[in-house]
Amino acid sequence: MNTSLSELELQGMEARVAAAQAGPWKSWVEGRDFLGGSNFIQTGQGADRGEDIEMTGATVADFMAAARQDLPRLIAEVRRLRGLLNRAN
């Protein structure tokens, strides 16, 4: 299995991140974070808050909410490391 990412794949990830509701996203799980209601992901905050995403299950909700913040950082780190490798070669 080839695990390296092409620039085109990074651009696709970046485009999906840019198209998503602004972050941060936060997972709210009934029984863990509050009592009553349902599990959901809060997208954005304050004036930038988007529609909530209703969920069933904390594990998936936590992963999805964190991905909104994690992906931009991972894309930037891949590019930074590639830049260092290119300068070394």
Protein backbone atom coordinates (compact mmCIF):
# COMPACT_ATOMS: atom_id res chain seq x y z
CA MET A 1 0.00 0.00 0.00
CA ASN A 2 1.44 3.36 -1.07
CA THR A 3 1.01 5.83 1.81
CA SER A 4 2.70 8.88 0.28
CA LEU A 5 0.44 11.81 -0.59
CA SER A 6 0.63 13.60 -3.90
CA GLU A 7 0.34 17.37 -4.12
CA LEU A 8 -2.99 16.84 -5.89
CA GLU A 9 -4.28 14.80 -2.91
CA LEU A 10 -3.13 17.52 -0.49
CA GLN A 11 -4.91 20.12 -2.62
CA GLY A 12 -8.10 18.03 -2.52
CA MET A 13 -7.92 17.81 1.27
CA GLU A 14 -7.30 21.52 1.48
CA ALA A 15 -10.30 22.25 -0.75
CA ARG A 16 -12.58 20.08 1.41
CA VAL A 17 -11.36 21.86 4.56
CA ALA A 18 -11.91 25.27 2.96
CA ALA A 19 -15.45 24.29 1.91
CA ALA A 20 -16.43 23.14 5.41
CA GLN A 21 -17.99 25.39 8.03
CA ALA A 22 -15.32 27.40 9.85
CA GLY A 23 -13.84 25.90 12.99
CA PRO A 24 -13.40 25.17 15.70
CA TRP A 25 -15.78 22.24 15.79
CA LYS A 26 -16.68 20.67 19.13
CA SER A 27 -18.29 17.34 19.91
CA TRP A 28 -21.09 17.39 22.50
CA VAL A 29 -22.07 13.95 23.81
CA GLU A 30 -25.18 13.51 25.95
CA GLY A 31 -24.26 11.97 29.28
CA ARG A 32 -20.60 12.93 28.95
CA ASP A 33 -20.71 16.69 28.26
CA PHE A 34 -24.27 17.53 29.30
CA LEU A 35 -27.54 15.88 30.38
CA GLY A 36 -30.55 15.68 28.08
CA GLY A 37 -30.77 16.25 24.36
CA SER A 38 -28.76 14.44 21.71
CA ASN A 39 -25.18 14.01 20.54
CA PHE A 40 -24.07 16.64 18.06
CA ILE A 41 -21.09 18.49 16.62
CA GLN A 42 -21.16 22.24 17.04
CA THR A 43 -19.65 23.86 13.94
CA GLY A 44 -18.01 27.22 14.48
CA GLN A 45 -18.74 29.52 17.38
CA GLY A 46 -20.21 32.93 18.08
CA ALA A 47 -21.21 34.83 14.95
CA ASP A 48 -19.46 32.17 12.82
CA ARG A 49 -21.53 29.28 14.20
CA GLY A 50 -22.99 27.00 11.56
CA GLU A 51 -25.61 24.27 11.71
CA ASP A 52 -25.15 21.54 14.29
CA ILE A 53 -24.49 18.02 12.99
CA GLU A 54 -26.62 15.46 14.84
CA MET A 55 -24.73 12.26 15.70
CA THR A 56 -25.15 8.83 17.24
CA GLY A 57 -22.03 7.74 19.07
CA ALA A 58 -19.28 9.68 20.80
CA THR A 59 -16.27 8.08 19.09
CA VAL A 60 -17.27 9.15 15.58
CA ALA A 61 -18.40 12.58 16.74
CA ASP A 62 -15.12 13.25 18.57
CA PHE A 63 -13.12 12.16 15.50
CA MET A 64 -15.15 14.28 13.07
CA ALA A 65 -15.02 17.37 15.25
CA ALA A 66 -11.25 17.08 15.78
CA ALA A 67 -10.62 16.48 12.06
CA ARG A 68 -11.74 20.05 11.25
CA GLN A 69 -8.83 21.41 13.29
CA ASP A 70 -6.37 18.55 12.67
CA LEU A 71 -6.42 18.37 8.86
CA PRO A 72 -5.20 21.93 8.17
CA ARG A 73 -2.32 21.41 10.62
CA LEU A 74 -1.37 18.04 9.07
CA ILE A 75 -1.43 19.46 5.53
CA ALA A 76 0.82 22.33 6.64
CA GLU A 77 3.21 19.92 8.36
CA VAL A 78 3.47 17.67 5.29
CA ARG A 79 4.31 20.71 3.17
CA ARG A 80 6.84 21.99 5.73
CA LEU A 81 8.61 18.64 5.89
CA ARG A 82 8.63 18.32 2.10
CA GLY A 83 10.19 21.76 1.90
CA LEU A 84 12.95 20.70 4.28
CA LEU A 85 13.57 17.54 2.26
CA ASN A 86 13.72 19.50 -0.99
CA ARG A 87 16.25 21.96 0.47
CA ALA A 88 18.39 19.06 1.76
CA ASN A 89 18.47 17.44 -1.69
